[in-house]
C-alpha atoms as a PDB file:
ATOM      1  CA  MET A   1       0.000   0.000   0.000  1.00  0.00           C
ATOM      2  CA  ASP A   2       1.441   3.385  -1.005  1.00  0.00           C
ATOM      3  CA  ILE A   3       1.825   6.291   1.370  1.00  0.00           C
ATOM      4  CA  SER A   4      -1.181   8.210   0.030  1.00  0.00           C
ATOM      5  CA  ALA A   5      -3.475   5.300   0.943  1.00  0.00           C
ATOM      6  CA  GLN A   6      -1.845   5.109   4.363  1.00  0.00           C
ATOM      7  CA  MET A   7      -2.478   8.840   4.852  1.00  0.00           C
ATOM      8  CA  LEU A   8      -6.187   8.303   4.132  1.00  0.00           C
ATOM      9  CA  ILE A   9      -6.262   5.489   6.682  1.00  0.00           C
ATOM     10  CA  PHE A  10      -4.557   7.755   9.227  1.00  0.00           C
ATOM     11  CA  VAL A  11      -7.249  10.434   8.719  1.00  0.00           C
ATOM     12  CA  THR A  12      -9.988   7.846   9.236  1.00  0.00           C
ATOM     13  CA  VAL A  13      -8.371   6.576  12.437  1.00  0.00           C
ATOM     14  CA  VAL A  14      -8.137  10.076  13.907  1.00  0.00           C
ATOM     15  CA  ASP A  15     -11.688  10.946  12.828  1.00  0.00           C
ATOM     16  CA  GLN A  16     -13.093   7.719  14.285  1.00  0.00           C
ATOM     17  CA  GLY A  17     -11.106   7.982  17.507  1.00  0.00           C
ATOM     18  CA  SER A  18      -9.914   4.391  17.518  1.00  0.00           C
ATOM     19  CA  ILE A  19      -8.259   1.850  15.260  1.00  0.00           C
ATOM     20  CA  SER A  20     -11.065  -0.680  15.685  1.00  0.00           C
ATOM     21  CA  ALA A  21     -13.768   1.849  14.732  1.00  0.00           C
ATOM     22  CA  ALA A  22     -11.752   2.941  11.708  1.00  0.00           C
ATOM     23  CA  ALA A  23     -11.255  -0.683  10.688  1.00  0.00           C
ATOM     24  CA  ARG A  24     -15.000  -1.334  10.830  1.00  0.00           C
ATOM     25  CA  SER A  25     -15.778   1.735   8.742  1.00  0.00           C
ATOM     26  CA  MET A  26     -13.284   0.632   6.067  1.00  0.00           C
ATOM     27  CA  GLY A  27     -14.112  -3.078   6.150  1.00  0.00           C
ATOM     28  CA  GLN A  28     -10.640  -4.052   7.344  1.00  0.00           C
ATOM     29  CA  THR A  29      -9.263  -5.795  10.415  1.00  0.00           C
ATOM     30  CA  PRO A  30      -7.817  -3.721  13.275  1.00  0.00           C
ATOM     31  CA  SER A  31      -4.454  -5.473  12.880  1.00  0.00           C
ATOM     32  CA  ALA A  32      -4.282  -4.521   9.188  1.00  0.00           C
ATOM     33  CA  VAL A  33      -5.068  -0.886   9.972  1.00  0.00           C
ATOM     34  CA  SER A  34      -2.572  -0.818  12.848  1.00  0.00           C
ATOM     35  CA  LYS A  35       0.106  -2.244  10.547  1.00  0.00           C
ATOM     36  CA  GLN A  36      -0.477   0.487   7.938  1.00  0.00           C
ATOM     37  CA  ILE A  37      -0.268   3.205  10.590  1.00  0.00           C
ATOM     38  CA  GLY A  38       3.026   1.707  11.751  1.00  0.00           C
ATOM     39  CA  LEU A  39       4.401   1.679   8.212  1.00  0.00           C
ATOM     40  CA  LEU A  40       3.316   5.299   7.770  1.00  0.00           C
ATOM     41  CA  GLU A  41       5.138   6.285  10.970  1.00  0.00           C
ATOM     42  CA  ASP A  42       8.227   4.518   9.644  1.00  0.00           C
ATOM     43  CA  GLN A  43       7.944   6.515   6.417  1.00  0.00           C
ATOM     44  CA  VAL A  44       7.701   9.919   8.124  1.00  0.00           C
ATOM     45  CA  HIS A  45      10.101   8.978  10.970  1.00  0.00           C
ATOM     46  CA  TYR A  46       7.724  10.258  13.671  1.00  0.00           C
ATOM     47  CA  ARG A  47       5.282   8.631  16.028  1.00  0.00           C
ATOM     48  CA  LEU A  48       1.876   9.951  14.942  1.00  0.00           C
ATOM     49  CA  LEU A  49      -0.434   8.332  17.482  1.00  0.00           C
ATOM     50  CA  ASN A  50      -0.428   7.771  21.218  1.00  0.00           C
ATOM     51  CA  ARG A  51      -1.964   4.345  21.821  1.00  0.00           C
ATOM     52  CA  THR A  52      -3.690   3.612  25.145  1.00  0.00           C
ATOM     53  CA  ARG A  53      -6.157   1.052  26.402  1.00  0.00           C
ATOM     54  CA  THR A  54      -8.996   3.563  26.032  1.00  0.00           C
ATOM     55  CA  GLY A  55      -8.185   4.578  22.476  1.00  0.00           C
ATOM     56  CA  ILE A  56      -5.788   6.702  20.479  1.00  0.00           C
ATOM     57  CA  SER A  57      -4.862  10.368  20.299  1.00  0.00           C
ATOM     58  CA  PRO A  58      -2.539  12.120  17.863  1.00  0.00           C
ATOM     59  CA  THR A  59       0.832  13.343  19.017  1.00  0.00           C
ATOM     60  CA  GLN A  60       1.765  16.969  18.367  1.00  0.00           C
ATOM     61  CA  GLU A  61       3.469  15.887  15.163  1.00  0.00           C
ATOM     62  CA  GLY A  62       0.451  13.721  14.401  1.00  0.00           C
ATOM     63  CA  ARG A  63      -1.939  16.660  14.759  1.00  0.00           C
ATOM     64  CA  ASP A  64       0.068  18.769  12.337  1.00  0.00           C
ATOM     65  CA  PHE A  65       0.360  15.868   9.926  1.00  0.00           C
ATOM     66  CA  TYR A  66      -3.365  15.139  10.239  1.00  0.00           C
ATOM     67  CA  GLU A  67      -4.307  18.630   9.022  1.00  0.00           C
ATOM     68  CA  LYS A  68      -2.323  18.120   5.836  1.00  0.00           C
ATOM     69  CA  CYS A  69      -3.680  14.612   5.358  1.00  0.00           C
ATOM     70  CA  ARG A  70      -7.255  15.746   5.946  1.00  0.00           C
ATOM     71  CA  ALA A  71      -6.971  18.346   3.189  1.00  0.00           C
ATOM     72  CA  MET A  72      -5.767  15.601   0.868  1.00  0.00           C
ATOM     73  CA  ALA A  73      -8.629  13.318   1.966  1.00  0.00           C
ATOM     74  CA  GLU A  74     -11.203  16.019   1.190  1.00  0.00           C
ATOM     75  CA  LYS A  75      -9.745  16.500  -2.268  1.00  0.00           C
ATOM     76  CA  PHE A  76      -9.854  12.756  -2.774  1.00  0.00           C
ATOM     77  CA  LYS A  77     -13.546  12.627  -1.817  1.00  0.00           C
ATOM     78  CA  GLU A  78     -14.340  15.455  -4.220  1.00  0.00           C
ATOM     79  CA  ALA A  79     -12.534  13.636  -7.003  1.00  0.00           C
ATOM     80  CA  GLU A  80     -14.284  10.374  -6.132  1.00  0.00           C
ATOM     81  CA  ALA A  81     -17.715  12.047  -6.189  1.00  0.00           C
ATOM     82  CA  MET A  82     -16.931  13.621  -9.543  1.00  0.00           C
ATOM     83  CA  ILE A  83     -15.938  10.270 -11.024  1.00  0.00           C
ATOM     84  CA  HIS A  84     -19.084   8.594  -9.712  1.00  0.00           C
ATOM     85  CA  ASN A  85     -21.242  11.301 -11.284  1.00  0.00           C
ATOM     86  CA  LEU A  86     -19.473  11.424 -14.639  1.00  0.00           C
ATOM     87  CA  ASP A  87     -21.989   9.181 -16.373  1.00  0.00           C
ATOM     88  CA  GLY A  88     -24.820  11.467 -15.199  1.00  0.00           C
ATOM     89  CA  ILE A  89     -27.163   8.554 -14.544  1.00  0.00           C
ATOM     90  CA  PRO A  90     -29.506   9.186 -11.578  1.00  0.00           C
ATOM     91  CA  ARG A  91     -29.063   6.413  -9.031  1.00  0.00           C
ATOM     92  CA  GLY A  92     -29.265   5.730  -5.309  1.00  0.00           C
ATOM     93  CA  THR A  93     -31.785   6.605  -2.610  1.00  0.00           C
ATOM     94  CA  LEU A  94     -33.535   9.957  -3.039  1.00  0.00           C
ATOM     95  CA  LYS A  95     -34.745  11.226   0.342  1.00  0.00           C
ATOM     96  CA  VAL A  96     -37.647  13.633  -0.160  1.00  0.00           C
ATOM     97  CA  ALA A  97     -39.884  15.605   2.215  1.00  0.00           C
ATOM     98  CA  SER A  98     -43.206  17.113   1.201  1.00  0.00           C
ATOM     99  CA  THR A  99     -46.165  18.874   2.749  1.00  0.00           C
ATOM    100  CA  VAL A 100     -48.818  16.304   3.612  1.00  0.00           C
ATOM    101  CA  ALA A 101     -51.570  17.518   1.294  1.00  0.00           C
ATOM    102  CA  PHE A 102     -49.382  17.945  -1.784  1.00  0.00           C
ATOM    103  CA  GLY A 103     -47.550  14.702  -1.103  1.00  0.00           C
ATOM    104  CA  LYS A 104     -50.706  12.605  -0.820  1.00  0.00           C
ATOM    105  CA  SER A 105     -52.764  14.174  -3.579  1.00  0.00           C
ATOM    106  CA  GLN A 106     -50.103  15.121  -6.147  1.00  0.00           C
ATOM    107  CA  LEU A 107     -46.618  13.766  -5.537  1.00  0.00           C
ATOM    108  CA  ILE A 108     -47.407  10.117  -4.836  1.00  0.00           C
ATOM    109  CA  PRO A 109     -49.597   9.784  -7.979  1.00  0.00           C
ATOM    110  CA  ALA A 110     -46.736  11.336  -9.998  1.00  0.00           C
ATOM    111  CA  LEU A 111     -43.975   9.092  -8.624  1.00  0.00           C
ATOM    112  CA  PRO A 112     -44.584   6.088 -10.908  1.00  0.00           C
ATOM    113  CA  ALA A 113     -43.704   8.225 -13.933  1.00  0.00           C
ATOM    114  CA  PHE A 114     -40.552   9.551 -12.236  1.00  0.00           C
ATOM    115  CA  MET A 115     -39.460   6.059 -11.183  1.00  0.00           C
ATOM    116  CA  ASP A 116     -40.087   4.703 -14.687  1.00  0.00           C
ATOM    117  CA  GLU A 117     -37.837   7.457 -16.076  1.00  0.00           C
ATOM    118  CA  ASN A 118     -35.152   6.743 -13.449  1.00  0.00           C
ATOM    119  CA  PRO A 119     -35.091   2.989 -12.761  1.00  0.00           C
ATOM    120  CA  GLU A 120     -31.932   3.144 -10.618  1.00  0.00           C
ATOM    121  CA  VAL A 121     -33.413   5.627  -8.120  1.00  0.00           C
ATOM    122  CA  GLN A 122     -35.111   4.514  -4.903  1.00  0.00           C
ATOM    123  CA  VAL A 123     -37.475   7.070  -3.315  1.00  0.00           C
ATOM    124  CA  ALA A 124     -37.808   7.582   0.451  1.00  0.00           C
ATOM    125  CA  LEU A 125     -40.718   9.979   1.079  1.00  0.00           C
ATOM    126  CA  ASP A 126     -41.492  11.736   4.367  1.00  0.00           C
ATOM    127  CA  LEU A 127     -44.715  13.764   4.628  1.00  0.00           C
ATOM    128  CA  LYS A 128     -44.726  16.600   7.161  1.00  0.00           C
ATOM    129  CA  ASP A 129     -46.016  20.166   7.364  1.00  0.00           C
ATOM    130  CA  ARG A 130     -43.321  21.645   9.583  1.00  0.00           C
ATOM    131  CA  GLU A 131     -40.264  23.561   8.414  1.00  0.00           C
ATOM    132  CA  ILE A 132     -37.556  21.279   7.024  1.00  0.00           C
ATOM    133  CA  ASP A 133     -33.816  21.697   7.593  1.00  0.00           C
ATOM    134  CA  LEU A 134     -32.469  19.898   4.549  1.00  0.00           C
ATOM    135  CA  GLN A 135     -28.865  19.664   5.634  1.00  0.00           C
ATOM    136  CA  SER A 136     -29.301  18.593   9.248  1.00  0.00           C
ATOM    137  CA  GLU A 137     -32.109  16.145   8.428  1.00  0.00           C
ATOM    138  CA  GLY A 138     -30.373  14.660   5.395  1.00  0.00           C
ATOM    139  CA  PHE A 139     -33.056  15.331   2.778  1.00  0.00           C
ATOM    140  CA  ASP A 140     -32.074  15.662  -0.881  1.00  0.00           C
ATOM    141  CA  ALA A 141     -35.130  17.817  -1.648  1.00  0.00           C
ATOM    142  CA  ALA A 142     -38.259  19.172   0.037  1.00  0.00           C
ATOM    143  CA  ILE A 143     -41.549  20.369  -1.433  1.00  0.00           C
ATOM    144  CA  CYS A 144     -43.210  23.168   0.505  1.00  0.00           C
ATOM    145  CA  PHE A 145     -44.831  26.580   0.283  1.00  0.00           C
ATOM    146  CA  ALA A 146     -42.450  29.370  -0.709  1.00  0.00           C
ATOM    147  CA  GLU A 147     -42.929  31.157   2.606  1.00  0.00           C
ATOM    148  CA  GLN A 148     -41.612  28.095   4.463  1.00  0.00           C
ATOM    149  CA  ARG A 149     -38.098  28.696   3.144  1.00  0.00           C
ATOM    150  CA  LYS A 150     -36.070  30.198   5.985  1.00  0.00           C
ATOM    151  CA  ASN A 151     -32.477  29.478   4.945  1.00  0.00           C
ATOM    152  CA  PRO A 152     -31.298  31.838   2.168  1.00  0.00           C
ATOM    153  CA  ASP A 153     -28.513  29.404   1.230  1.00  0.00           C
ATOM    154  CA  ILE A 154     -31.045  26.807   0.102  1.00  0.00           C
ATOM    155  CA  VAL A 155     -31.852  26.755  -3.621  1.00  0.00           C
ATOM    156  CA  VAL A 156     -35.536  27.009  -4.580  1.00  0.00           C
ATOM    157  CA  ARG A 157     -37.298  26.256  -7.853  1.00  0.00           C
ATOM    158  CA  ARG A 158     -40.950  27.109  -8.334  1.00  0.00           C
ATOM    159  CA  ILE A 159     -43.178  24.175  -9.223  1.00  0.00           C
ATOM    160  CA  MET A 160     -46.555  25.896  -9.505  1.00  0.00           C
ATOM    161  CA  GLN A 161     -48.791  28.608  -8.156  1.00  0.00           C
ATOM    162  CA  SER A 162     -51.497  27.404  -5.799  1.00  0.00           C
ATOM    163  CA  ARG A 163     -54.704  29.374  -5.285  1.00  0.00           C
ATOM    164  CA  ARG A 164     -57.157  28.746  -2.485  1.00  0.00           C
ATOM    165  CA  VAL A 165     -60.954  28.494  -2.511  1.00  0.00           C
ATOM    166  CA  LEU A 166     -63.639  28.499   0.166  1.00  0.00           C
ATOM    167  CA  CYS A 167     -65.761  25.380   0.365  1.00  0.00           C
ATOM    168  CA  ALA A 168     -67.935  23.177   2.540  1.00  0.00           C
ATOM    169  CA  ALA A 169     -69.881  19.935   2.295  1.00  0.00           C
ATOM    170  CA  PRO A 170     -73.579  20.142   1.334  1.00  0.00           C
ATOM    171  CA  SER A 171     -74.501  18.675   4.733  1.00  0.00           C
ATOM    172  CA  TYR A 172     -72.856  21.593   6.562  1.00  0.00           C
ATOM    173  CA  LEU A 173     -74.523  24.195   4.343  1.00  0.00           C
ATOM    174  CA  GLU A 174     -77.914  22.562   4.872  1.00  0.00           C
ATOM    175  CA  ARG A 175     -77.474  22.830   8.645  1.00  0.00           C
ATOM    176  CA  SER A 176     -75.845  26.253   8.871  1.00  0.00           C
ATOM    177  CA  GLY A 177     -76.808  28.084   5.706  1.00  0.00           C
ATOM    178  CA  VAL A 178     -74.715  29.432   2.840  1.00  0.00           C
ATOM    179  CA  PRO A 179     -72.644  32.581   3.562  1.00  0.00           C
ATOM    180  CA  LYS A 180     -73.488  35.269   1.058  1.00  0.00           C
ATOM    181  CA  SER A 181     -70.525  37.562   1.692  1.00  0.00           C
ATOM    182  CA  PHE A 182     -67.116  37.560   3.308  1.00  0.00           C
ATOM    183  CA  ALA A 183     -68.609  39.355   6.315  1.00  0.00           C
ATOM    184  CA  ASP A 184     -70.792  36.290   7.037  1.00  0.00           C
ATOM    185  CA  LEU A 185     -67.819  33.953   7.542  1.00  0.00           C
ATOM    186  CA  PRO A 186     -66.968  34.900  11.161  1.00  0.00           C
ATOM    187  CA  HIS A 187     -70.423  33.599  12.108  1.00  0.00           C
ATOM    188  CA  HIS A 188     -69.674  30.125  10.704  1.00  0.00           C
ATOM    189  CA  ASN A 189     -67.597  27.186  11.922  1.00  0.00           C
ATOM    190  CA  CYS A 190     -64.324  27.832  10.067  1.00  0.00           C
ATOM    191  CA  LEU A 191     -61.750  25.041  10.026  1.00  0.00           C
ATOM    192  CA  ARG A 192     -58.284  25.991  11.280  1.00  0.00           C
ATOM    193  CA  ILE A 193     -54.695  24.789  10.802  1.00  0.00           C
ATOM    194  CA  THR A 194     -53.127  23.948  14.167  1.00  0.00           C
ATOM    195  CA  GLY A 195     -50.344  26.242  15.349  1.00  0.00           C
ATOM    196  CA  ASN A 196     -50.230  28.374  12.195  1.00  0.00           C
ATOM    197  CA  SER A 197     -51.942  31.705  12.860  1.00  0.00           C
ATOM    198  CA  ARG A 198     -50.743  33.166   9.553  1.00  0.00           C
ATOM    199  CA  ARG A 199     -52.556  30.514   7.509  1.00  0.00           C
ATOM    200  CA  ASN A 200     -55.666  30.980   9.629  1.00  0.00           C
ATOM    201  CA  VAL A 201     -56.022  34.623   8.591  1.00  0.00           C
ATOM    202  CA  TRP A 202     -58.521  34.713   5.723  1.00  0.00           C
ATOM    203  CA  ASN A 203     -58.212  37.828   3.588  1.00  0.00           C
ATOM    204  CA  GLU A 204     -61.067  39.254   1.573  1.00  0.00           C
ATOM    205  CA  GLY A 205     -58.986  40.256  -1.436  1.00  0.00           C
ATOM    206  CA  ASN A 206     -56.213  38.618  -3.401  1.00  0.00           C
ATOM    207  CA  GLN A 207     -53.435  40.426  -1.547  1.00  0.00           C
ATOM    208  CA  ASN A 208     -52.085  39.503   1.878  1.00  0.00           C
ATOM    209  CA  ASN A 209     -52.535  43.067   3.127  1.00  0.00           C
ATOM    210  CA  CYS A 210     -56.269  43.118   2.361  1.00  0.00           C
ATOM    211  CA  GLU A 211     -58.743  43.218   5.211  1.00  0.00           C
ATOM    212  CA  GLY A 212     -59.322  39.830   6.778  1.00  0.00           C
ATOM    213  CA  PHE A 213     -60.115  37.958   9.959  1.00  0.00           C
ATOM    214  CA  GLU A 214     -58.652  35.013  11.842  1.00  0.00           C
ATOM    215  CA  ALA A 215     -60.735  31.936  11.152  1.00  0.00           C
ATOM    216  CA  GLN A 216     -62.393  30.611  14.292  1.00  0.00           C
ATOM    217  CA  GLY A 217     -64.282  27.407  14.846  1.00  0.00           C
ATOM    218  CA  ARG A 218     -64.698  24.227  16.833  1.00  0.00           C
ATOM    219  CA  PHE A 219     -62.211  22.150  14.819  1.00  0.00           C
ATOM    220  CA  GLU A 220     -58.558  22.430  13.857  1.00  0.00           C
ATOM    221  CA  GLY A 221     -56.186  19.973  12.212  1.00  0.00           C
ATOM    222  CA  ASN A 222     -52.408  19.748  12.017  1.00  0.00           C
ATOM    223  CA  SER A 223     -52.303  19.687   8.209  1.00  0.00           C
ATOM    224  CA  THR A 224     -54.264  20.839   5.193  1.00  0.00           C
ATOM    225  CA  ASP A 225     -55.067  17.205   4.487  1.00  0.00           C
ATOM    226  CA  VAL A 226     -56.771  16.860   7.886  1.00  0.00           C
ATOM    227  CA  VAL A 227     -58.819  20.011   7.274  1.00  0.00           C
ATOM    228  CA  PHE A 228     -59.750  18.679   3.819  1.00  0.00           C
ATOM    229  CA  ARG A 229     -61.100  15.474   5.380  1.00  0.00           C
ATOM    230  CA  ALA A 230     -62.980  17.482   8.000  1.00  0.00           C
ATOM    231  CA  ALA A 231     -64.609  19.610   5.304  1.00  0.00           C
ATOM    232  CA  LEU A 232     -65.718  16.467   3.435  1.00  0.00           C
ATOM    233  CA  ALA A 233     -67.241  15.192   6.686  1.00  0.00           C
ATOM    234  CA  GLY A 234     -69.383  18.321   6.956  1.00  0.00           C
ATOM    235  CA  ILE A 235     -67.738  19.832  10.037  1.00  0.00           C
ATOM    236  CA  GLY A 236     -67.383  23.354   8.685  1.00  0.00           C
ATOM    237  CA  ILE A 237     -66.095  25.765   6.047  1.00  0.00           C
ATOM    238  CA  SER A 238     -62.509  25.405   4.890  1.00  0.00           C
ATOM    239  CA  ARG A 239     -60.080  27.338   2.721  1.00  0.00           C
ATOM    240  CA  LEU A 240     -58.343  24.756   0.563  1.00  0.00           C
ATOM    241  CA  PRO A 241     -55.961  24.625  -2.398  1.00  0.00           C
ATOM    242  CA  CYS A 242     -57.911  24.461  -5.630  1.00  0.00           C
ATOM    243  CA  TYR A 243     -56.054  21.299  -6.659  1.00  0.00           C
ATOM    244  CA  MET A 244     -57.560  19.463  -3.675  1.00  0.00           C
ATOM    245  CA  ALA A 245     -61.095  20.804  -3.932  1.00  0.00           C
ATOM    246  CA  SER A 246     -61.879  21.067  -7.657  1.00  0.00           C
ATOM    247  CA  ARG A 247     -62.618  17.376  -8.260  1.00  0.00           C
ATOM    248  CA  LYS A 248     -64.827  17.332  -5.170  1.00  0.00           C
ATOM    249  CA  PHE A 249     -66.822  20.210  -6.656  1.00  0.00           C
ATOM    250  CA  GLN A 250     -67.401  18.070  -9.733  1.00  0.00           C
ATOM    251  CA  SER A 251     -68.525  15.089  -7.660  1.00  0.00           C
ATOM    252  CA  GLY A 252     -70.730  17.221  -5.433  1.00  0.00           C
ATOM    253  CA  GLU A 253     -68.924  16.222  -2.231  1.00  0.00           C
ATOM    254  CA  LEU A 254     -67.921  19.851  -1.713  1.00  0.00           C
ATOM    255  CA  VAL A 255     -69.577  23.104  -2.734  1.00  0.00           C
ATOM    256  CA  GLN A 256     -67.563  26.186  -3.595  1.00  0.00           C
ATOM    257  CA  ILE A 257     -68.606  29.201  -1.537  1.00  0.00           C
ATOM    258  CA  MET A 258     -68.483  32.687  -3.052  1.00  0.00           C
ATOM    259  CA  PRO A 259     -66.827  31.648  -6.344  1.00  0.00           C
ATOM    260  CA  LYS A 260     -65.674  35.223  -6.989  1.00  0.00           C
ATOM    261  CA  TYR A 261     -63.646  35.186  -3.774  1.00  0.00           C
ATOM    262  CA  ALA A 262     -59.931  35.374  -4.596  1.00  0.00           C
ATOM    263  CA  ALA A 263     -57.705  34.369  -1.701  1.00  0.00           C
ATOM    264  CA  PRO A 264     -53.996  35.274  -1.787  1.00  0.00           C
ATOM    265  CA  SER A 265     -52.196  32.642  -3.830  1.00  0.00           C
ATOM    266  CA  THR A 266     -48.872  31.079  -2.934  1.00  0.00           C
ATOM    267  CA  ASP A 267     -46.054  29.315  -4.766  1.00  0.00           C
ATOM    268  CA  ILE A 268     -45.298  25.663  -4.206  1.00  0.00           C
ATOM    269  CA  VAL A 269     -41.551  25.157  -4.532  1.00  0.00           C
ATOM    270  CA  VAL A 270     -38.942  22.431  -4.335  1.00  0.00           C
ATOM    271  CA  MET A 271     -35.932  23.192  -2.139  1.00  0.00           C
ATOM    272  CA  PHE A 272     -32.545  21.503  -2.390  1.00  0.00           C
ATOM    273  CA  PRO A 273     -29.084  22.200  -0.965  1.00  0.00           C
ATOM    274  CA  GLU A 274     -26.851  24.507  -2.937  1.00  0.00           C
ATOM    275  CA  LYS A 275     -24.047  22.312  -4.252  1.00  0.00           C
ATOM    276  CA  ARG A 276     -21.603  22.741  -7.082  1.00  0.00           C
ATOM    277  CA  ASN A 277     -22.270  19.233  -8.300  1.00  0.00           C
ATOM    278  CA  LEU A 278     -25.914  18.449  -7.658  1.00  0.00           C
ATOM    279  CA  ALA A 279     -26.431  14.698  -7.539  1.00  0.00           C
ATOM    280  CA  PRO A 280     -27.999  13.418 -10.779  1.00  0.00           C
ATOM    281  CA  LYS A 281     -30.859  11.835  -8.804  1.00  0.00           C
ATOM    282  CA  THR A 282     -31.753  15.208  -7.256  1.00  0.00           C
ATOM    283  CA  ARG A 283     -31.421  17.108 -10.510  1.00  0.00           C
ATOM    284  CA  ALA A 284     -33.636  14.553 -12.274  1.00  0.00           C
ATOM    285  CA  PHE A 285     -36.278  14.866  -9.555  1.00  0.00           C
ATOM    286  CA  VAL A 286     -36.320  18.676  -9.600  1.00  0.00           C
ATOM    287  CA  ASP A 287     -36.538  18.778 -13.403  1.00  0.00           C
ATOM    288  CA  PHE A 288     -39.335  16.194 -13.335  1.00  0.00           C
ATOM    289  CA  LEU A 289     -41.404  18.253 -10.885  1.00  0.00           C
ATOM    290  CA  VAL A 290     -41.049  21.403 -12.952  1.00  0.00           C
ATOM    291  CA  ARG A 291     -42.079  19.572 -16.133  1.00  0.00           C
ATOM    292  CA  ARG A 292     -44.948  17.817 -14.420  1.00  0.00           C
ATOM    293  CA  PHE A 293     -46.618  20.711 -12.649  1.00  0.00           C
ATOM    294  CA  ARG A 294     -45.526  24.124 -13.902  1.00  0.00           C
ATOM    295  CA  LYS A 295     -47.800  24.285 -16.962  1.00  0.00           C
ATOM    296  CA  VAL A 296     -50.778  22.541 -15.371  1.00  0.00           C
ATOM    297  CA  GLN A 297     -53.536  24.679 -13.904  1.00  0.00           C
ATOM    298  CA  ASP A 298     -54.067  23.773 -10.268  1.00  0.00           C
ATOM    299  CA  CYS A 299     -57.772  23.104 -10.860  1.00  0.00           C
ATOM    300  CA  GLN A 300     -56.778  20.421 -13.409  1.00  0.00           C
ATOM    301  CA  MET A 301     -54.563  18.494 -11.033  1.00  0.00           C
ATOM    302  CA  THR A 302     -55.178  15.123  -9.454  1.00  0.00           C
ATOM    303  CA  GLY A 303     -58.101  15.257  -7.013  1.00  0.00           C
END
């Protein structure tokens, strides 16, 4: 084994904190790793590691040498990643997060087409409505509302614009009557999103600064999907994305209230970490989403 390989082993040993842990991570035996460290010390004519029963620690010379070796190891990893991505074929596990409503009603029905286009990609999907930290949680991409992006270093691509409509089940309207104007809504059972006061403010116009009120009622759910199900059950009036409600208008399960009402719209985006060399699997997924949804009107989407 040449000295460059031994230097990479030395970096792994220091990073792992023990020879046995380093050996496991590299699929080698502890004796083989220990031998290579010994040969490396012979090459540089310095003892690099202090060995004790509880583990290892670098000597002063070892710490200085480690910094140089670590820089080389990082360059090696960059080169290795570049080589692996040279063919440009998307492969590996794609870890994706999505808002619950969009994930259930739109993303999952679209995934067969994406997986047919990319047969070497495995998809791991996590549905959640909270803010996602891509880097700390290890996601390759996350689908969310544009206003959920908090980290300016995260790259965002717009998938589609989502507009919202007011609706309720016929059973609720039979019991409580049909609101004729926006001013009637505070007197109805309005369905709320748990812990999200901003999304519970219903504005009269199509701008966020238009006059509005905070929806109040006897039911709240922790996701738009929960509120959607509650509206279908006849619990109250909800403000839902058009892509969720439009097919239910056609079937008669929901009735649109005040069709001329124009709630503030929002963008649905896909977020992904800013990297020089975006993994082919992530790039393929982002491009697929843009192709799939950008030119489709939200009222024409899967119901």
